[in-house]
Amino acid sequence: MQAASNFPNKTLTGISSMATRAVLADLIGAYAKATGNSIAIESVGGVDAAKRVQAGEAFDAVFLAADAIDKLIASGHVLVGSRVDLMRSGVSVAVRKGAVQPSIATEAALMATVLAASSIGYSTGPSGVALIKLFERWGIAPQIQSRLVQATPGVPVGSMVANGTVALGFQQTSELLNLPGIAILGPLPESVQIVTTFSAGVCATSQDAATVQELLAYMAGRDCADAKRRQGMEPA
């Protein structure tokens, strides 16, 4: 860990997807303690976060799925060479607390559970896109189309499960952990697990790219690995 004296005291700003809100809260707390610097991160739906950066809204750093960061680099809104991979997150499945808990232990069991569900919630993020592709690969997409419910950007799928809007919900494990009113059935079977790499980049609007890159290097370091695991993620 770098000593606090190596850093000037500064306050940075950032924007992130909801999927990384909890883990980033842990990481910025550790960063502030280690360096004396602080960063205020606004967490919104990933699609909205990307749009705001593309619109030129001033942030120092942006935290999104790796492919979204790459698109922002290509469009000139994130500095070339500044992308840092921070963590990887898989998808888990949840039902409402107290409901029957069907098996998802194997790919076949998961497919049967999906086919039997009265309604299925999924996210607007990359994991949601991949989930729909999985249903298409299984050949069941037309059969369940009318039962699919996509969450509004910024609305956790888990909250839709908890309030009964959907019977079965798929979302990043980190977003389902510690959410009241749901029971997590477990992660997707390894053969169909959907893993998203979450990364960060220095926004072109930042006035202090060097300090932002020090922040991102800190977040990618070994000292932050345990915090990522506590939130259901793995270091990238």
C-alpha atoms as a PDB file:
ATOM      1  CA  MET A   1       0.000   0.000   0.000  1.00  0.00           C
ATOM      2  CA  GLN A   2       1.281   3.450  -0.849  1.00  0.00           C
ATOM      3  CA  ALA A   3       1.742   5.836   2.034  1.00  0.00           C
ATOM      4  CA  ALA A   4      -0.622   8.753   2.370  1.00  0.00           C
ATOM      5  CA  SER A   5       2.273  11.200   1.980  1.00  0.00           C
ATOM      6  CA  ASN A   6       2.715  10.045  -1.629  1.00  0.00           C
ATOM      7  CA  PHE A   7      -0.639  11.554  -2.564  1.00  0.00           C
ATOM      8  CA  PRO A   8      -1.815  15.178  -2.574  1.00  0.00           C
ATOM      9  CA  ASN A   9      -5.159  15.558  -0.798  1.00  0.00           C
ATOM     10  CA  LYS A  10      -7.755  15.785  -3.536  1.00  0.00           C
ATOM     11  CA  THR A  11     -11.408  15.046  -4.137  1.00  0.00           C
ATOM     12  CA  LEU A  12     -12.254  13.242  -7.353  1.00  0.00           C
ATOM     13  CA  THR A  13     -15.621  12.493  -8.943  1.00  0.00           C
ATOM     14  CA  GLY A  14     -16.825   9.349 -10.657  1.00  0.00           C
ATOM     15  CA  ILE A  15     -19.846   7.578 -12.060  1.00  0.00           C
ATOM     16  CA  SER A  16     -20.559   3.859 -12.029  1.00  0.00           C
ATOM     17  CA  SER A  17     -23.161   1.231 -12.780  1.00  0.00           C
ATOM     18  CA  MET A  18     -25.322  -0.073  -9.935  1.00  0.00           C
ATOM     19  CA  ALA A  19     -23.572  -3.448 -10.143  1.00  0.00           C
ATOM     20  CA  THR A  20     -20.409  -2.045  -8.575  1.00  0.00           C
ATOM     21  CA  ARG A  21     -21.970   0.377  -6.091  1.00  0.00           C
ATOM     22  CA  ALA A  22     -21.363  -1.671  -2.949  1.00  0.00           C
ATOM     23  CA  VAL A  23     -17.830  -2.780  -3.754  1.00  0.00           C
ATOM     24  CA  LEU A  24     -16.794   0.725  -4.823  1.00  0.00           C
ATOM     25  CA  ALA A  25     -18.082   2.098  -1.524  1.00  0.00           C
ATOM     26  CA  ASP A  26     -15.683  -0.271   0.259  1.00  0.00           C
ATOM     27  CA  LEU A  27     -12.796   0.565  -2.053  1.00  0.00           C
ATOM     28  CA  ILE A  28     -13.133   4.343  -1.843  1.00  0.00           C
ATOM     29  CA  GLY A  29     -13.292   4.108   1.941  1.00  0.00           C
ATOM     30  CA  ALA A  30     -10.015   2.195   1.978  1.00  0.00           C
ATOM     31  CA  TYR A  31      -8.507   4.597  -0.557  1.00  0.00           C
ATOM     32  CA  ALA A  32      -9.419   7.632   1.537  1.00  0.00           C
ATOM     33  CA  LYS A  33      -7.933   6.046   4.644  1.00  0.00           C
ATOM     34  CA  ALA A  34      -4.716   5.116   2.852  1.00  0.00           C
ATOM     35  CA  THR A  35      -4.173   8.340   0.932  1.00  0.00           C
ATOM     36  CA  GLY A  36      -6.166  11.178   2.436  1.00  0.00           C
ATOM     37  CA  ASN A  37      -7.862  11.629  -0.925  1.00  0.00           C
ATOM     38  CA  SER A  38     -11.557  11.080  -1.532  1.00  0.00           C
ATOM     39  CA  ILE A  39     -13.753  10.264  -4.503  1.00  0.00           C
ATOM     40  CA  ALA A  40     -17.479  10.843  -4.774  1.00  0.00           C
ATOM     41  CA  ILE A  41     -19.028   8.195  -7.029  1.00  0.00           C
ATOM     42  CA  GLU A  42     -22.585   8.406  -8.316  1.00  0.00           C
ATOM     43  CA  SER A  43     -24.103   4.992  -9.091  1.00  0.00           C
ATOM     44  CA  VAL A  44     -26.837   4.783 -11.726  1.00  0.00           C
ATOM     45  CA  GLY A  45     -27.926   2.326 -14.389  1.00  0.00           C
ATOM     46  CA  GLY A  46     -24.971   1.344 -16.559  1.00  0.00           C
ATOM     47  CA  VAL A  47     -26.650   2.519 -19.769  1.00  0.00           C
ATOM     48  CA  ASP A  48     -27.377   5.915 -18.202  1.00  0.00           C
ATOM     49  CA  ALA A  49     -23.828   6.203 -16.853  1.00  0.00           C
ATOM     50  CA  ALA A  50     -22.356   5.644 -20.305  1.00  0.00           C
ATOM     51  CA  LYS A  51     -24.756   8.149 -21.861  1.00  0.00           C
ATOM     52  CA  ARG A  52     -23.812  10.832 -19.344  1.00  0.00           C
ATOM     53  CA  VAL A  53     -20.112  10.365 -19.999  1.00  0.00           C
ATOM     54  CA  GLN A  54     -20.775  10.449 -23.749  1.00  0.00           C
ATOM     55  CA  ALA A  55     -22.738  13.676 -23.276  1.00  0.00           C
ATOM     56  CA  GLY A  56     -19.621  15.318 -21.857  1.00  0.00           C
ATOM     57  CA  GLU A  57     -20.709  15.515 -18.211  1.00  0.00           C
ATOM     58  CA  ALA A  58     -17.601  16.174 -16.150  1.00  0.00           C
ATOM     59  CA  PHE A  59     -16.250  13.205 -14.180  1.00  0.00           C
ATOM     60  CA  ASP A  60     -12.755  12.116 -13.285  1.00  0.00           C
ATOM     61  CA  ALA A  61     -13.399   8.375 -13.549  1.00  0.00           C
ATOM     62  CA  VAL A  62     -16.024   6.022 -14.908  1.00  0.00           C
ATOM     63  CA  PHE A  63     -16.627   2.448 -13.690  1.00  0.00           C
ATOM     64  CA  LEU A  64     -18.496   0.125 -16.062  1.00  0.00           C
ATOM     65  CA  ALA A  65     -18.298  -3.247 -17.776  1.00  0.00           C
ATOM     66  CA  ALA A  66     -15.081  -3.595 -19.772  1.00  0.00           C
ATOM     67  CA  ASP A  67     -16.798  -3.446 -23.160  1.00  0.00           C
ATOM     68  CA  ALA A  68     -18.590  -0.225 -22.198  1.00  0.00           C
ATOM     69  CA  ILE A  69     -15.269   1.346 -21.169  1.00  0.00           C
ATOM     70  CA  ASP A  70     -13.784   0.300 -24.513  1.00  0.00           C
ATOM     71  CA  LYS A  71     -16.632   2.012 -26.365  1.00  0.00           C
ATOM     72  CA  LEU A  72     -16.039   5.210 -24.389  1.00  0.00           C
ATOM     73  CA  ILE A  73     -12.349   5.030 -25.268  1.00  0.00           C
ATOM     74  CA  ALA A  74     -13.201   4.569 -28.944  1.00  0.00           C
ATOM     75  CA  SER A  75     -15.495   7.606 -28.857  1.00  0.00           C
ATOM     76  CA  GLY A  76     -12.852   9.759 -27.169  1.00  0.00           C
ATOM     77  CA  HIS A  77     -14.659  10.162 -23.843  1.00  0.00           C
ATOM     78  CA  VAL A  78     -12.174   8.042 -21.872  1.00  0.00           C
ATOM     79  CA  LEU A  79      -8.419   8.417 -22.257  1.00  0.00           C
ATOM     80  CA  VAL A  80      -6.640   5.853 -24.415  1.00  0.00           C
ATOM     81  CA  GLY A  81      -4.547   3.481 -22.312  1.00  0.00           C
ATOM     82  CA  SER A  82      -6.323   4.347 -19.053  1.00  0.00           C
ATOM     83  CA  ARG A  83      -8.567   1.277 -18.758  1.00  0.00           C
ATOM     84  CA  VAL A  84      -7.918  -0.772 -15.613  1.00  0.00           C
ATOM     85  CA  ASP A  85      -9.722  -4.071 -15.004  1.00  0.00           C
ATOM     86  CA  LEU A  86     -10.867  -4.211 -11.376  1.00  0.00           C
ATOM     87  CA  MET A  87     -13.110  -7.218 -10.719  1.00  0.00           C
ATOM     88  CA  ARG A  88     -15.117 -10.035 -12.236  1.00  0.00           C
ATOM     89  CA  SER A  89     -18.658 -10.888 -11.290  1.00  0.00           C
ATOM     90  CA  GLY A  90     -20.880 -13.845 -12.064  1.00  0.00           C
ATOM     91  CA  VAL A  91     -24.663 -14.106 -12.174  1.00  0.00           C
ATOM     92  CA  SER A  92     -26.867 -15.690  -9.528  1.00  0.00           C
ATOM     93  CA  VAL A  93     -30.556 -16.577  -9.450  1.00  0.00           C
ATOM     94  CA  ALA A  94     -33.076 -15.506  -6.816  1.00  0.00           C
ATOM     95  CA  VAL A  95     -36.669 -16.149  -5.784  1.00  0.00           C
ATOM     96  CA  ARG A  96     -38.854 -14.344  -3.307  1.00  0.00           C
ATOM     97  CA  LYS A  97     -38.158 -15.179   0.331  1.00  0.00           C
ATOM     98  CA  GLY A  98     -40.422 -18.002   1.457  1.00  0.00           C
ATOM     99  CA  ALA A  99     -41.111 -19.252  -2.073  1.00  0.00           C
ATOM    100  CA  VAL A 100     -40.313 -22.771  -3.222  1.00  0.00           C
ATOM    101  CA  GLN A 101     -36.628 -22.949  -4.121  1.00  0.00           C
ATOM    102  CA  PRO A 102     -36.214 -24.917  -7.360  1.00  0.00           C
ATOM    103  CA  SER A 103     -32.932 -26.510  -8.371  1.00  0.00           C
ATOM    104  CA  ILE A 104     -30.424 -24.738 -10.615  1.00  0.00           C
ATOM    105  CA  ALA A 105     -27.597 -27.186  -9.845  1.00  0.00           C
ATOM    106  CA  THR A 106     -27.118 -28.246 -13.466  1.00  0.00           C
ATOM    107  CA  GLU A 107     -27.757 -26.674 -16.841  1.00  0.00           C
ATOM    108  CA  ALA A 108     -30.714 -29.003 -17.375  1.00  0.00           C
ATOM    109  CA  ALA A 109     -32.159 -28.142 -13.954  1.00  0.00           C
ATOM    110  CA  LEU A 110     -31.737 -24.430 -14.611  1.00  0.00           C
ATOM    111  CA  MET A 111     -33.523 -24.706 -17.957  1.00  0.00           C
ATOM    112  CA  ALA A 112     -36.386 -26.595 -16.331  1.00  0.00           C
ATOM    113  CA  THR A 113     -36.656 -23.938 -13.624  1.00  0.00           C
ATOM    114  CA  VAL A 114     -36.771 -21.175 -16.225  1.00  0.00           C
ATOM    115  CA  LEU A 115     -39.438 -22.987 -18.240  1.00  0.00           C
ATOM    116  CA  ALA A 116     -41.547 -23.474 -15.111  1.00  0.00           C
ATOM    117  CA  ALA A 117     -41.274 -19.859 -13.896  1.00  0.00           C
ATOM    118  CA  SER A 118     -44.353 -17.669 -14.241  1.00  0.00           C
ATOM    119  CA  SER A 119     -42.158 -14.610 -14.851  1.00  0.00           C
ATOM    120  CA  ILE A 120     -38.429 -14.028 -15.274  1.00  0.00           C
ATOM    121  CA  GLY A 121     -36.564 -10.816 -14.463  1.00  0.00           C
ATOM    122  CA  TYR A 122     -33.275  -9.788 -16.037  1.00  0.00           C
ATOM    123  CA  SER A 123     -31.116  -6.684 -16.178  1.00  0.00           C
ATOM    124  CA  THR A 124     -30.337  -4.080 -18.826  1.00  0.00           C
ATOM    125  CA  GLY A 125     -26.603  -4.680 -18.392  1.00  0.00           C
ATOM    126  CA  PRO A 126     -24.254  -7.034 -20.243  1.00  0.00           C
ATOM    127  CA  SER A 127     -25.307  -9.991 -18.108  1.00  0.00           C
ATOM    128  CA  GLY A 128     -28.907  -9.477 -19.237  1.00  0.00           C
ATOM    129  CA  VAL A 129     -27.859  -9.462 -22.888  1.00  0.00           C
ATOM    130  CA  ALA A 130     -25.886 -12.667 -22.362  1.00  0.00           C
ATOM    131  CA  LEU A 131     -28.820 -14.288 -20.561  1.00  0.00           C
ATOM    132  CA  ILE A 132     -31.146 -13.684 -23.500  1.00  0.00           C
ATOM    133  CA  LYS A 133     -28.531 -15.208 -25.805  1.00  0.00           C
ATOM    134  CA  LEU A 134     -28.433 -18.257 -23.517  1.00  0.00           C
ATOM    135  CA  PHE A 135     -32.218 -18.644 -23.790  1.00  0.00           C
ATOM    136  CA  GLU A 136     -31.891 -18.371 -27.566  1.00  0.00           C
ATOM    137  CA  ARG A 137     -29.159 -21.005 -27.608  1.00  0.00           C
ATOM    138  CA  TRP A 138     -31.356 -23.311 -25.571  1.00  0.00           C
ATOM    139  CA  GLY A 139     -34.139 -22.763 -28.105  1.00  0.00           C
ATOM    140  CA  ILE A 140     -36.658 -21.606 -25.477  1.00  0.00           C
ATOM    141  CA  ALA A 141     -36.683 -17.859 -26.177  1.00  0.00           C
ATOM    142  CA  PRO A 142     -40.003 -17.840 -28.116  1.00  0.00           C
ATOM    143  CA  GLN A 143     -41.623 -20.026 -25.473  1.00  0.00           C
ATOM    144  CA  ILE A 144     -40.789 -17.705 -22.568  1.00  0.00           C
ATOM    145  CA  GLN A 145     -40.818 -14.357 -24.387  1.00  0.00           C
ATOM    146  CA  SER A 146     -44.117 -13.217 -22.868  1.00  0.00           C
ATOM    147  CA  ARG A 147     -42.815 -13.972 -19.353  1.00  0.00           C
ATOM    148  CA  LEU A 148     -39.579 -11.995 -19.628  1.00  0.00           C
ATOM    149  CA  VAL A 149     -39.429  -8.716 -17.686  1.00  0.00           C
ATOM    150  CA  GLN A 150     -36.455  -6.421 -18.164  1.00  0.00           C
ATOM    151  CA  ALA A 151     -35.641  -4.176 -15.224  1.00  0.00           C
ATOM    152  CA  THR A 152     -35.684  -0.433 -15.756  1.00  0.00           C
ATOM    153  CA  PRO A 153     -32.111   0.975 -15.733  1.00  0.00           C
ATOM    154  CA  GLY A 154     -31.057   1.530 -12.131  1.00  0.00           C
ATOM    155  CA  VAL A 155     -33.736  -0.792 -10.701  1.00  0.00           C
ATOM    156  CA  PRO A 156     -32.280  -3.978  -9.172  1.00  0.00           C
ATOM    157  CA  VAL A 157     -33.776  -7.210 -10.463  1.00  0.00           C
ATOM    158  CA  GLY A 158     -33.692  -8.414  -6.854  1.00  0.00           C
ATOM    159  CA  SER A 159     -36.159  -5.726  -5.811  1.00  0.00           C
ATOM    160  CA  MET A 160     -38.553  -6.968  -8.503  1.00  0.00           C
ATOM    161  CA  VAL A 161     -38.239 -10.450  -7.036  1.00  0.00           C
ATOM    162  CA  ALA A 162     -38.785  -9.156  -3.501  1.00  0.00           C
ATOM    163  CA  ASN A 163     -41.974  -7.258  -4.369  1.00  0.00           C
ATOM    164  CA  GLY A 164     -43.404 -10.084  -6.453  1.00  0.00           C
ATOM    165  CA  THR A 165     -43.118  -8.412  -9.861  1.00  0.00           C
ATOM    166  CA  VAL A 166     -41.189 -11.458 -11.082  1.00  0.00           C
ATOM    167  CA  ALA A 167     -40.959 -14.992  -9.735  1.00  0.00           C
ATOM    168  CA  LEU A 168     -37.389 -15.688 -10.827  1.00  0.00           C
ATOM    169  CA  GLY A 169     -34.597 -13.132 -11.097  1.00  0.00           C
ATOM    170  CA  PHE A 170     -31.166 -13.192 -12.720  1.00  0.00           C
ATOM    171  CA  GLN A 171     -28.572 -10.597 -11.771  1.00  0.00           C
ATOM    172  CA  GLN A 172     -24.968 -10.033 -10.780  1.00  0.00           C
ATOM    173  CA  THR A 173     -24.309 -11.804  -7.481  1.00  0.00           C
ATOM    174  CA  SER A 174     -23.004  -8.566  -5.978  1.00  0.00           C
ATOM    175  CA  GLU A 175     -26.381  -6.888  -6.550  1.00  0.00           C
ATOM    176  CA  LEU A 176     -28.353  -9.706  -4.923  1.00  0.00           C
ATOM    177  CA  LEU A 177     -26.241 -10.075  -1.785  1.00  0.00           C
ATOM    178  CA  ASN A 178     -27.825  -8.755   1.408  1.00  0.00           C
ATOM    179  CA  LEU A 179     -30.991  -7.663  -0.406  1.00  0.00           C
ATOM    180  CA  PRO A 180     -34.019  -8.186   1.873  1.00  0.00           C
ATOM    181  CA  GLY A 181     -36.999 -10.185   0.758  1.00  0.00           C
ATOM    182  CA  ILE A 182     -35.228 -12.663  -1.521  1.00  0.00           C
ATOM    183  CA  ALA A 183     -33.556 -16.064  -1.356  1.00  0.00           C
ATOM    184  CA  ILE A 184     -30.531 -16.636  -3.567  1.00  0.00           C
ATOM    185  CA  LEU A 185     -30.655 -20.077  -5.174  1.00  0.00           C
ATOM    186  CA  GLY A 186     -26.975 -19.857  -6.066  1.00  0.00           C
ATOM    187  CA  PRO A 187     -24.767 -18.973  -9.000  1.00  0.00           C
ATOM    188  CA  LEU A 188     -25.443 -20.196 -12.515  1.00  0.00           C
ATOM    189  CA  PRO A 189     -23.915 -23.610 -13.253  1.00  0.00           C
ATOM    190  CA  GLU A 190     -20.329 -23.279 -14.432  1.00  0.00           C
ATOM    191  CA  SER A 191     -21.186 -24.457 -17.955  1.00  0.00           C
ATOM    192  CA  VAL A 192     -23.443 -21.433 -18.506  1.00  0.00           C
ATOM    193  CA  GLN A 193     -22.076 -18.928 -16.001  1.00  0.00           C
ATOM    194  CA  ILE A 194     -22.042 -15.350 -17.263  1.00  0.00           C
ATOM    195  CA  VAL A 195     -18.973 -13.455 -16.074  1.00  0.00           C
ATOM    196  CA  THR A 196     -18.658  -9.704 -16.496  1.00  0.00           C
ATOM    197  CA  THR A 197     -15.352  -7.893 -16.068  1.00  0.00           C
ATOM    198  CA  PHE A 198     -15.826  -4.485 -14.496  1.00  0.00           C
ATOM    199  CA  SER A 199     -13.243  -1.902 -15.389  1.00  0.00           C
ATOM    200  CA  ALA A 200     -12.539   1.780 -14.937  1.00  0.00           C
ATOM    201  CA  GLY A 201     -11.075   4.528 -17.032  1.00  0.00           C
ATOM    202  CA  VAL A 202      -9.977   8.140 -16.792  1.00  0.00           C
ATOM    203  CA  CYS A 203     -12.581  10.464 -18.273  1.00  0.00           C
ATOM    204  CA  ALA A 204     -11.447  12.929 -20.900  1.00  0.00           C
ATOM    205  CA  THR A 205     -13.047  15.672 -18.785  1.00  0.00           C
ATOM    206  CA  SER A 206     -10.727  14.997 -15.818  1.00  0.00           C
ATOM    207  CA  GLN A 207      -8.384  17.793 -14.848  1.00  0.00           C
ATOM    208  CA  ASP A 208      -6.067  15.445 -12.949  1.00  0.00           C
ATOM    209  CA  ALA A 209      -5.544  12.245 -14.915  1.00  0.00           C
ATOM    210  CA  ALA A 210      -2.410  11.316 -12.968  1.00  0.00           C
ATOM    211  CA  THR A 211      -4.228  11.209  -9.622  1.00  0.00           C
ATOM    212  CA  VAL A 212      -7.104   9.263 -11.151  1.00  0.00           C
ATOM    213  CA  GLN A 213      -4.682   6.662 -12.482  1.00  0.00           C
ATOM    214  CA  GLU A 214      -3.118   6.362  -9.024  1.00  0.00           C
ATOM    215  CA  LEU A 215      -6.634   5.744  -7.664  1.00  0.00           C
ATOM    216  CA  LEU A 216      -7.348   3.050 -10.241  1.00  0.00           C
ATOM    217  CA  ALA A 217      -3.997   1.365  -9.633  1.00  0.00           C
ATOM    218  CA  TYR A 218      -4.801   1.295  -5.917  1.00  0.00           C
ATOM    219  CA  MET A 219      -8.232  -0.243  -6.573  1.00  0.00           C
ATOM    220  CA  ALA A 220      -6.645  -2.925  -8.753  1.00  0.00           C
ATOM    221  CA  GLY A 221      -4.045  -3.787  -6.102  1.00  0.00           C
ATOM    222  CA  ARG A 222      -3.846  -6.767  -3.767  1.00  0.00           C
ATOM    223  CA  ASP A 223      -4.921  -4.695  -0.763  1.00  0.00           C
ATOM    224  CA  CYS A 224      -8.409  -4.437  -2.280  1.00  0.00           C
ATOM    225  CA  ALA A 225      -8.901  -8.132  -3.097  1.00  0.00           C
ATOM    226  CA  ASP A 226     -10.710  -9.056   0.128  1.00  0.00           C
ATOM    227  CA  ALA A 227     -13.178  -6.185  -0.221  1.00  0.00           C
ATOM    228  CA  LYS A 228     -14.098  -7.429  -3.703  1.00  0.00           C
ATOM    229  CA  ARG A 229     -14.661 -10.974  -2.468  1.00  0.00           C
ATOM    230  CA  ARG A 230     -16.875  -9.734   0.379  1.00  0.00           C
ATOM    231  CA  GLN A 231     -19.162  -8.254  -2.246  1.00  0.00           C
ATOM    232  CA  GLY A 232     -19.433 -11.446  -4.297  1.00  0.00           C
ATOM    233  CA  MET A 233     -16.768 -10.559  -6.857  1.00  0.00           C
ATOM    234  CA  GLU A 234     -13.278 -11.737  -7.726  1.00  0.00           C
ATOM    235  CA  PRO A 235     -10.245  -9.544  -8.439  1.00  0.00           C
ATOM    236  CA  ALA A 236      -9.662  -9.125 -12.176  1.00  0.00           C
END
